[in-house]
Amino acid sequence: MLLVSSTTAFRGEGCRMLEWSDLFPAMVALDQMNEIQVLAALADNAKHNQTGRVDEHGAIRHTHVELCPVGALACLFFAHFHILNHAPPNFAPDFSNKNYGEYGYRQWYEYHVFYTGCPTKEMTYENHRDRINTMHIKNNIDITKKTHAGRHYAAQTARAHGASVNGTKALGGWSDNGSFNPVYDRAFPLDALLGAGMFNARRPEDYALPRNSIGENPPPPPPMMVEGIVHCLT
C-alpha cells in the first residue's frame, strides 16, 4: 500500500477504496518509436470528489526494484492466492444483477486491493493508519503525515527528479483553475511518471530498465540455485 501511494500520489482514502476492477494497463509514448507501460488505477468515489470526475492515477516500474509499486502489487496478489490460499474468483458473469449493464456482474468486482480480513470489506482508516505507523517505526521514519504520507512523497520525488509542476499536479489529480484538466485532459504525465519512479524526468530518451530484458533469452540458472530450489521443494 505504501509503495503504491508513494508513486501514484494516491490519497489515503483512495488506497483503501481501490478495487481489483479499478486496475488496468495503459501505454504512454516515450518517443516516436517506443512506449512505456503504465499500471493505471481509477479513483472516482473519494469524498473529495464532488463532481463524479474519474481520476486516473498511474505508475511505472521503479528504477529500484525494492521500491517498485508494480512488483509490490505482484507480491500482494501472489500472497493472496498462494500464501493465504484464496481460491480464484468466479469469472462467469451474472446477468441477473441489472446494475452492471451488458457485461454482467462478477463478485471480484467488489474485491479491494488492500484489505484486512475479507476482500469485499474496505479497510478502516484506523487499520490503515496503524499499518503505516508500523512501517514508519520499523524504517526509522519520523513524520507527522500518516495515510497521506505517500501522496506527499510522490510529489516531492517527482519534482526532485525533474518533473514539471503541471505534470506533478496531473500525477496526483491536484486541481487547476478551469475545466480543461479535470474534464478533458486525461493523458498520463510522462515526466511525472518518470520522476516518481526516480528516472530523469527531463530526459525520457535515457529511460532504461535492465530487468525488462531478463525474460528475453535468459541464461540458465546456476546449478547450485536449481539444486537449492529442488531441495526446498522435496
C-alpha atoms as a PDB file:
ATOM      1  CA  MET A   1       0.000   0.000   0.000  1.00  0.00           C
ATOM      2  CA  LEU A   2       2.775   2.420   0.939  1.00  0.00           C
ATOM      3  CA  LEU A   3       4.770   1.790  -2.247  1.00  0.00           C
ATOM      4  CA  VAL A   4       1.694   2.256  -4.443  1.00  0.00           C
ATOM      5  CA  SER A   5       0.738   5.582  -2.874  1.00  0.00           C
ATOM      6  CA  SER A   6       4.382   6.701  -2.933  1.00  0.00           C
ATOM      7  CA  THR A   7       4.441   6.609  -6.732  1.00  0.00           C
ATOM      8  CA  THR A   8       0.831   7.219  -7.783  1.00  0.00           C
ATOM      9  CA  ALA A   9       0.215  10.050  -5.260  1.00  0.00           C
ATOM     10  CA  PHE A  10      -2.961   8.314  -4.123  1.00  0.00           C
ATOM     11  CA  ARG A  11      -4.842   9.830  -1.219  1.00  0.00           C
ATOM     12  CA  GLY A  12      -5.207   7.625   1.832  1.00  0.00           C
ATOM     13  CA  GLU A  13      -8.897   7.018   1.226  1.00  0.00           C
ATOM     14  CA  GLY A  14      -8.182   6.300  -2.419  1.00  0.00           C
ATOM     15  CA  CYS A  15      -5.908   3.420  -1.430  1.00  0.00           C
ATOM     16  CA  ARG A  16      -8.490   1.988   0.947  1.00  0.00           C
ATOM     17  CA  MET A  17     -11.244   2.185  -1.674  1.00  0.00           C
ATOM     18  CA  LEU A  18      -9.133   0.757  -4.520  1.00  0.00           C
ATOM     19  CA  GLU A  19     -10.691  -2.379  -6.017  1.00  0.00           C
ATOM     20  CA  TRP A  20      -9.396  -5.032  -8.376  1.00  0.00           C
ATOM     21  CA  SER A  21     -11.662  -3.741 -11.107  1.00  0.00           C
ATOM     22  CA  ASP A  22     -10.071  -0.278 -10.838  1.00  0.00           C
ATOM     23  CA  LEU A  23      -6.706  -1.555 -12.092  1.00  0.00           C
ATOM     24  CA  PHE A  24      -5.840  -1.646 -15.785  1.00  0.00           C
ATOM     25  CA  PRO A  25      -2.750  -1.439 -18.030  1.00  0.00           C
ATOM     26  CA  ALA A  26      -2.086   1.577 -20.234  1.00  0.00           C
ATOM     27  CA  MET A  27       0.631   2.719 -22.604  1.00  0.00           C
ATOM     28  CA  VAL A  28       2.306   6.124 -22.793  1.00  0.00           C
ATOM     29  CA  ALA A  29       4.504   7.239 -25.684  1.00  0.00           C
ATOM     30  CA  LEU A  30       8.131   7.554 -24.627  1.00  0.00           C
ATOM     31  CA  ASP A  31       9.186   8.893 -28.015  1.00  0.00           C
ATOM     32  CA  GLN A  32       8.114   8.427 -31.631  1.00  0.00           C
ATOM     33  CA  MET A  33       9.228   4.786 -31.644  1.00  0.00           C
ATOM     34  CA  ASN A  34       8.780   3.495 -28.111  1.00  0.00           C
ATOM     35  CA  GLU A  35       6.091   3.230 -25.476  1.00  0.00           C
ATOM     36  CA  ILE A  36       6.219   2.630 -21.763  1.00  0.00           C
ATOM     37  CA  GLN A  37       3.684   0.509 -19.908  1.00  0.00           C
ATOM     38  CA  VAL A  38       1.777   2.130 -17.060  1.00  0.00           C
ATOM     39  CA  LEU A  39      -0.055   0.456 -14.208  1.00  0.00           C
ATOM     40  CA  ALA A  40      -3.193   2.599 -14.057  1.00  0.00           C
ATOM     41  CA  ALA A  41      -5.887   2.860 -11.408  1.00  0.00           C
ATOM     42  CA  LEU A  42      -9.249   4.601 -11.320  1.00  0.00           C
ATOM     43  CA  ALA A  43     -10.372   6.716  -8.394  1.00  0.00           C
ATOM     44  CA  ASP A  44     -13.860   8.186  -8.671  1.00  0.00           C
ATOM     45  CA  ASN A  45     -15.580   7.668  -5.321  1.00  0.00           C
ATOM     46  CA  ALA A  46     -13.418   9.513  -2.825  1.00  0.00           C
ATOM     47  CA  LYS A  47     -15.073  12.073  -0.595  1.00  0.00           C
ATOM     48  CA  HIS A  48     -13.048  14.939  -2.082  1.00  0.00           C
ATOM     49  CA  ASN A  49     -14.608  14.274  -5.489  1.00  0.00           C
ATOM     50  CA  GLN A  50     -17.901  16.107  -5.565  1.00  0.00           C
ATOM     51  CA  THR A  51     -18.372  16.174  -9.348  1.00  0.00           C
ATOM     52  CA  GLY A  52     -18.222  12.482 -10.241  1.00  0.00           C
ATOM     53  CA  ARG A  53     -14.948  13.011 -12.066  1.00  0.00           C
ATOM     54  CA  VAL A  54     -12.956   9.848 -12.731  1.00  0.00           C
ATOM     55  CA  ASP A  55      -9.341  10.375 -11.697  1.00  0.00           C
ATOM     56  CA  GLU A  56      -6.740   8.146 -13.288  1.00  0.00           C
ATOM     57  CA  HIS A  57      -3.554   7.563 -11.338  1.00  0.00           C
ATOM     58  CA  GLY A  58      -0.576   5.787 -12.828  1.00  0.00           C
ATOM     59  CA  ALA A  59       2.829   4.360 -12.015  1.00  0.00           C
ATOM     60  CA  ILE A  60       5.639   2.735 -13.938  1.00  0.00           C
ATOM     61  CA  ARG A  61       8.131   0.155 -12.778  1.00  0.00           C
ATOM     62  CA  HIS A  62      10.551   1.822 -10.397  1.00  0.00           C
ATOM     63  CA  THR A  63      14.249   2.164 -11.071  1.00  0.00           C
ATOM     64  CA  HIS A  64      14.833   0.454  -7.685  1.00  0.00           C
ATOM     65  CA  VAL A  65      13.158  -2.936  -7.532  1.00  0.00           C
ATOM     66  CA  GLU A  66      12.658  -2.745  -3.759  1.00  0.00           C
ATOM     67  CA  LEU A  67      10.566   0.425  -4.214  1.00  0.00           C
ATOM     68  CA  CYS A  68       8.594  -0.765  -7.236  1.00  0.00           C
ATOM     69  CA  PRO A  69       4.796  -0.446  -6.909  1.00  0.00           C
ATOM     70  CA  VAL A  70       4.213  -2.905  -9.747  1.00  0.00           C
ATOM     71  CA  GLY A  71       6.368  -5.528  -8.078  1.00  0.00           C
ATOM     72  CA  ALA A  72       4.701  -4.802  -4.736  1.00  0.00           C
ATOM     73  CA  LEU A  73       1.256  -5.462  -6.201  1.00  0.00           C
ATOM     74  CA  ALA A  74       2.538  -8.638  -7.838  1.00  0.00           C
ATOM     75  CA  CYS A  75       3.785  -9.832  -4.436  1.00  0.00           C
ATOM     76  CA  LEU A  76       0.449  -8.863  -2.891  1.00  0.00           C
ATOM     77  CA  PHE A  77      -1.546 -10.949  -5.355  1.00  0.00           C
ATOM     78  CA  PHE A  78       0.924 -13.815  -5.003  1.00  0.00           C
ATOM     79  CA  ALA A  79       0.312 -13.751  -1.263  1.00  0.00           C
ATOM     80  CA  HIS A  80      -3.454 -13.589  -1.786  1.00  0.00           C
ATOM     81  CA  PHE A  81      -3.552 -16.728  -3.930  1.00  0.00           C
ATOM     82  CA  HIS A  82      -0.502 -18.767  -2.903  1.00  0.00           C
ATOM     83  CA  ILE A  83       0.122 -17.923   0.756  1.00  0.00           C
ATOM     84  CA  LEU A  84      -3.376 -17.176   2.042  1.00  0.00           C
ATOM     85  CA  ASN A  85      -4.649 -19.799  -0.441  1.00  0.00           C
ATOM     86  CA  HIS A  86      -7.702 -17.863  -1.581  1.00  0.00           C
ATOM     87  CA  ALA A  87      -9.482 -19.603  -4.423  1.00  0.00           C
ATOM     88  CA  PRO A  88      -9.593 -17.832  -7.789  1.00  0.00           C
ATOM     89  CA  PRO A  89     -12.830 -15.873  -8.182  1.00  0.00           C
ATOM     90  CA  ASN A  90     -15.630 -16.969 -10.432  1.00  0.00           C
ATOM     91  CA  PHE A  91     -15.235 -15.153 -13.740  1.00  0.00           C
ATOM     92  CA  ALA A  92     -18.618 -16.204 -15.112  1.00  0.00           C
ATOM     93  CA  PRO A  93     -20.893 -13.147 -15.447  1.00  0.00           C
ATOM     94  CA  ASP A  94     -24.169 -12.869 -13.576  1.00  0.00           C
ATOM     95  CA  PHE A  95     -26.667 -11.068 -15.801  1.00  0.00           C
ATOM     96  CA  SER A  96     -29.449 -11.093 -13.205  1.00  0.00           C
ATOM     97  CA  ASN A  97     -27.925  -8.053 -11.486  1.00  0.00           C
ATOM     98  CA  LYS A  98     -29.267  -5.136 -13.532  1.00  0.00           C
ATOM     99  CA  ASN A  99     -26.829  -2.635 -12.010  1.00  0.00           C
ATOM    100  CA  TYR A 100     -23.904  -3.919 -14.074  1.00  0.00           C
ATOM    101  CA  GLY A 101     -25.124  -3.448 -17.645  1.00  0.00           C
ATOM    102  CA  GLU A 102     -24.456  -5.652 -20.636  1.00  0.00           C
ATOM    103  CA  TYR A 103     -21.281  -7.223 -19.244  1.00  0.00           C
ATOM    104  CA  GLY A 104     -22.927  -8.627 -16.138  1.00  0.00           C
ATOM    105  CA  TYR A 105     -21.810  -8.790 -12.515  1.00  0.00           C
ATOM    106  CA  ARG A 106     -18.832 -10.650 -11.106  1.00  0.00           C
ATOM    107  CA  GLN A 107     -18.124 -10.962  -7.404  1.00  0.00           C
ATOM    108  CA  TRP A 108     -14.479  -9.944  -7.789  1.00  0.00           C
ATOM    109  CA  TYR A 109     -15.657  -6.504  -8.912  1.00  0.00           C
ATOM    110  CA  GLU A 110     -16.100  -5.802  -5.178  1.00  0.00           C
ATOM    111  CA  TYR A 111     -12.712  -7.134  -4.066  1.00  0.00           C
ATOM    112  CA  HIS A 112     -10.456  -4.499  -2.537  1.00  0.00           C
ATOM    113  CA  VAL A 113      -6.774  -4.465  -3.398  1.00  0.00           C
ATOM    114  CA  PHE A 114      -5.832  -3.668   0.205  1.00  0.00           C
ATOM    115  CA  TYR A 115      -7.948  -5.366   2.850  1.00  0.00           C
ATOM    116  CA  THR A 116      -7.634  -6.858   6.308  1.00  0.00           C
ATOM    117  CA  GLY A 117      -9.856  -9.910   6.691  1.00  0.00           C
ATOM    118  CA  CYS A 118     -12.372 -10.091   3.848  1.00  0.00           C
ATOM    119  CA  PRO A 119     -11.581  -8.807   0.331  1.00  0.00           C
ATOM    120  CA  THR A 120     -15.064  -7.349  -0.056  1.00  0.00           C
ATOM    121  CA  LYS A 121     -14.710  -5.237   3.097  1.00  0.00           C
ATOM    122  CA  GLU A 122     -12.920  -1.906   2.875  1.00  0.00           C
ATOM    123  CA  MET A 123     -10.008  -1.355   5.235  1.00  0.00           C
ATOM    124  CA  THR A 124     -10.780   1.103   8.024  1.00  0.00           C
ATOM    125  CA  TYR A 125      -8.884   4.346   8.463  1.00  0.00           C
ATOM    126  CA  GLU A 126      -7.647   3.187  11.872  1.00  0.00           C
ATOM    127  CA  ASN A 127      -6.222  -0.028  10.454  1.00  0.00           C
ATOM    128  CA  HIS A 128      -4.592   1.853   7.598  1.00  0.00           C
ATOM    129  CA  ARG A 129      -3.081   4.404   9.992  1.00  0.00           C
ATOM    130  CA  ASP A 130      -1.735   1.702  12.304  1.00  0.00           C
ATOM    131  CA  ARG A 131      -0.111  -0.190   9.441  1.00  0.00           C
ATOM    132  CA  ILE A 132       1.582   2.941   8.126  1.00  0.00           C
ATOM    133  CA  ASN A 133       2.764   3.830  11.639  1.00  0.00           C
ATOM    134  CA  THR A 134       4.295   0.369  11.983  1.00  0.00           C
ATOM    135  CA  MET A 135       6.106   0.755   8.643  1.00  0.00           C
ATOM    136  CA  HIS A 136       7.422   4.151   9.686  1.00  0.00           C
ATOM    137  CA  ILE A 137       8.665   2.898  13.052  1.00  0.00           C
ATOM    138  CA  LYS A 138      10.418  -0.131  11.559  1.00  0.00           C
ATOM    139  CA  ASN A 139      12.159   2.070   8.994  1.00  0.00           C
ATOM    140  CA  ASN A 140      13.084   4.921  11.377  1.00  0.00           C
ATOM    141  CA  ILE A 141      10.774   7.404   9.640  1.00  0.00           C
ATOM    142  CA  ASP A 142       9.560  10.284  11.787  1.00  0.00           C
ATOM    143  CA  ILE A 143       6.903  12.394  10.022  1.00  0.00           C
ATOM    144  CA  THR A 144       3.502  13.716  11.014  1.00  0.00           C
ATOM    145  CA  LYS A 145       1.725  12.518   7.864  1.00  0.00           C
ATOM    146  CA  LYS A 146       0.227   9.065   8.101  1.00  0.00           C
ATOM    147  CA  THR A 147      -2.155   7.756   5.442  1.00  0.00           C
ATOM    148  CA  HIS A 148      -1.386  10.725   3.145  1.00  0.00           C
ATOM    149  CA  ALA A 149       2.383  10.366   3.522  1.00  0.00           C
ATOM    150  CA  GLY A 150       2.814   8.583   0.192  1.00  0.00           C
ATOM    151  CA  ARG A 151       0.979  11.341  -1.654  1.00  0.00           C
ATOM    152  CA  HIS A 152       3.398  13.998  -0.443  1.00  0.00           C
ATOM    153  CA  TYR A 153       6.381  11.740  -1.074  1.00  0.00           C
ATOM    154  CA  ALA A 154       5.313  11.064  -4.669  1.00  0.00           C
ATOM    155  CA  ALA A 155       5.050  14.770  -5.440  1.00  0.00           C
ATOM    156  CA  GLN A 156       8.390  15.594  -3.829  1.00  0.00           C
ATOM    157  CA  THR A 157      10.159  12.717  -5.561  1.00  0.00           C
ATOM    158  CA  ALA A 158       8.725  13.573  -8.968  1.00  0.00           C
ATOM    159  CA  ARG A 159       9.786  17.206  -8.640  1.00  0.00           C
ATOM    160  CA  ALA A 160      13.224  16.265  -7.303  1.00  0.00           C
ATOM    161  CA  HIS A 161      13.825  14.153 -10.425  1.00  0.00           C
ATOM    162  CA  GLY A 162      12.877  16.887 -12.851  1.00  0.00           C
ATOM    163  CA  ALA A 163       9.118  16.623 -13.308  1.00  0.00           C
ATOM    164  CA  SER A 164       7.263  19.833 -14.110  1.00  0.00           C
ATOM    165  CA  VAL A 165       4.798  21.431 -11.732  1.00  0.00           C
ATOM    166  CA  ASN A 166       1.921  20.745 -14.126  1.00  0.00           C
ATOM    167  CA  GLY A 167       2.983  17.141 -14.608  1.00  0.00           C
ATOM    168  CA  THR A 168       3.203  16.601 -10.869  1.00  0.00           C
ATOM    169  CA  LYS A 169      -0.251  18.119 -10.385  1.00  0.00           C
ATOM    170  CA  ALA A 170      -1.625  15.765 -13.022  1.00  0.00           C
ATOM    171  CA  LEU A 171       0.045  12.777 -11.353  1.00  0.00           C
ATOM    172  CA  GLY A 172      -1.867  13.299  -8.110  1.00  0.00           C
ATOM    173  CA  GLY A 173      -5.006  14.845  -9.543  1.00  0.00           C
ATOM    174  CA  TRP A 174      -4.372  18.195  -7.891  1.00  0.00           C
ATOM    175  CA  SER A 175      -6.884  20.696  -9.208  1.00  0.00           C
ATOM    176  CA  ASP A 176      -6.196  23.600 -11.523  1.00  0.00           C
ATOM    177  CA  ASN A 177      -8.410  26.541 -12.331  1.00  0.00           C
ATOM    178  CA  GLY A 178     -10.785  25.977 -15.214  1.00  0.00           C
ATOM    179  CA  SER A 179     -12.339  22.818 -16.592  1.00  0.00           C
ATOM    180  CA  PHE A 180      -9.670  21.670 -19.063  1.00  0.00           C
ATOM    181  CA  ASN A 181      -7.596  19.473 -16.750  1.00  0.00           C
ATOM    182  CA  PRO A 182     -10.391  17.858 -14.709  1.00  0.00           C
ATOM    183  CA  VAL A 183     -12.717  17.321 -17.683  1.00  0.00           C
ATOM    184  CA  TYR A 184     -10.770  16.994 -20.920  1.00  0.00           C
ATOM    185  CA  ASP A 185      -7.127  16.228 -20.187  1.00  0.00           C
ATOM    186  CA  ARG A 186      -6.951  12.501 -19.400  1.00  0.00           C
ATOM    187  CA  ALA A 187      -3.372  11.781 -20.517  1.00  0.00           C
ATOM    188  CA  PHE A 188      -0.822  10.402 -18.074  1.00  0.00           C
ATOM    189  CA  PRO A 189       2.018  12.862 -17.406  1.00  0.00           C
ATOM    190  CA  LEU A 190       5.150  11.164 -18.713  1.00  0.00           C
ATOM    191  CA  ASP A 191       7.574  13.440 -16.893  1.00  0.00           C
ATOM    192  CA  ALA A 192       5.890  12.888 -13.518  1.00  0.00           C
ATOM    193  CA  LEU A 193       5.680   9.111 -14.060  1.00  0.00           C
ATOM    194  CA  LEU A 194       9.404   9.034 -14.751  1.00  0.00           C
ATOM    195  CA  GLY A 195      10.213  11.338 -11.833  1.00  0.00           C
ATOM    196  CA  ALA A 196       8.109   9.371  -9.350  1.00  0.00           C
ATOM    197  CA  GLY A 197       9.960   6.248 -10.491  1.00  0.00           C
ATOM    198  CA  MET A 198      13.285   8.060  -9.848  1.00  0.00           C
ATOM    199  CA  PHE A 199      14.217   8.312 -13.525  1.00  0.00           C
ATOM    200  CA  ASN A 200      15.385  11.567 -15.095  1.00  0.00           C
ATOM    201  CA  ALA A 201      12.087  13.237 -15.966  1.00  0.00           C
ATOM    202  CA  ARG A 202      13.823  15.746 -18.234  1.00  0.00           C
ATOM    203  CA  ARG A 203      15.462  13.108 -20.388  1.00  0.00           C
ATOM    204  CA  PRO A 204      12.884  10.450 -21.275  1.00  0.00           C
ATOM    205  CA  GLU A 205      15.199   9.271 -24.038  1.00  0.00           C
ATOM    206  CA  ASP A 206      17.538   7.950 -21.332  1.00  0.00           C
ATOM    207  CA  TYR A 207      14.868   5.708 -19.806  1.00  0.00           C
ATOM    208  CA  ALA A 208      16.108   2.158 -19.381  1.00  0.00           C
ATOM    209  CA  LEU A 209      15.115  -0.662 -17.067  1.00  0.00           C
ATOM    210  CA  PRO A 210      17.599  -3.549 -17.241  1.00  0.00           C
ATOM    211  CA  ARG A 211      15.260  -6.051 -15.618  1.00  0.00           C
ATOM    212  CA  ASN A 212      12.841  -5.553 -18.536  1.00  0.00           C
ATOM    213  CA  SER A 213      15.119  -7.766 -20.631  1.00  0.00           C
ATOM    214  CA  ILE A 214      15.518 -10.564 -18.101  1.00  0.00           C
ATOM    215  CA  GLY A 215      12.775 -12.609 -19.763  1.00  0.00           C
ATOM    216  CA  GLU A 216      14.300 -12.298 -23.253  1.00  0.00           C
ATOM    217  CA  ASN A 217      16.505 -15.343 -23.879  1.00  0.00           C
ATOM    218  CA  PRO A 218      17.657 -15.549 -20.264  1.00  0.00           C
ATOM    219  CA  PRO A 219      20.685 -17.667 -19.409  1.00  0.00           C
ATOM    220  CA  PRO A 220      20.034 -20.879 -17.483  1.00  0.00           C
ATOM    221  CA  PRO A 221      20.079 -20.506 -13.687  1.00  0.00           C
ATOM    222  CA  PRO A 222      23.201 -21.632 -11.841  1.00  0.00           C
ATOM    223  CA  PRO A 223      23.173 -25.356 -10.960  1.00  0.00           C
ATOM    224  CA  MET A 224      23.554 -24.603  -7.245  1.00  0.00           C
ATOM    225  CA  MET A 225      20.418 -22.464  -7.353  1.00  0.00           C
ATOM    226  CA  VAL A 226      18.470 -25.257  -9.063  1.00  0.00           C
ATOM    227  CA  GLU A 227      19.690 -27.783  -6.513  1.00  0.00           C
ATOM    228  CA  GLY A 228      18.682 -25.461  -3.654  1.00  0.00           C
ATOM    229  CA  ILE A 229      15.171 -24.995  -5.054  1.00  0.00           C
ATOM    230  CA  VAL A 230      14.714 -28.719  -5.601  1.00  0.00           C
ATOM    231  CA  HIS A 231      15.939 -29.390  -2.074  1.00  0.00           C
ATOM    232  CA  CYS A 232      13.442 -26.918  -0.605  1.00  0.00           C
ATOM    233  CA  LEU A 233      10.567 -28.462  -2.590  1.00  0.00           C
ATOM    234  CA  THR A 234      11.449 -32.006  -1.606  1.00  0.00           C
END
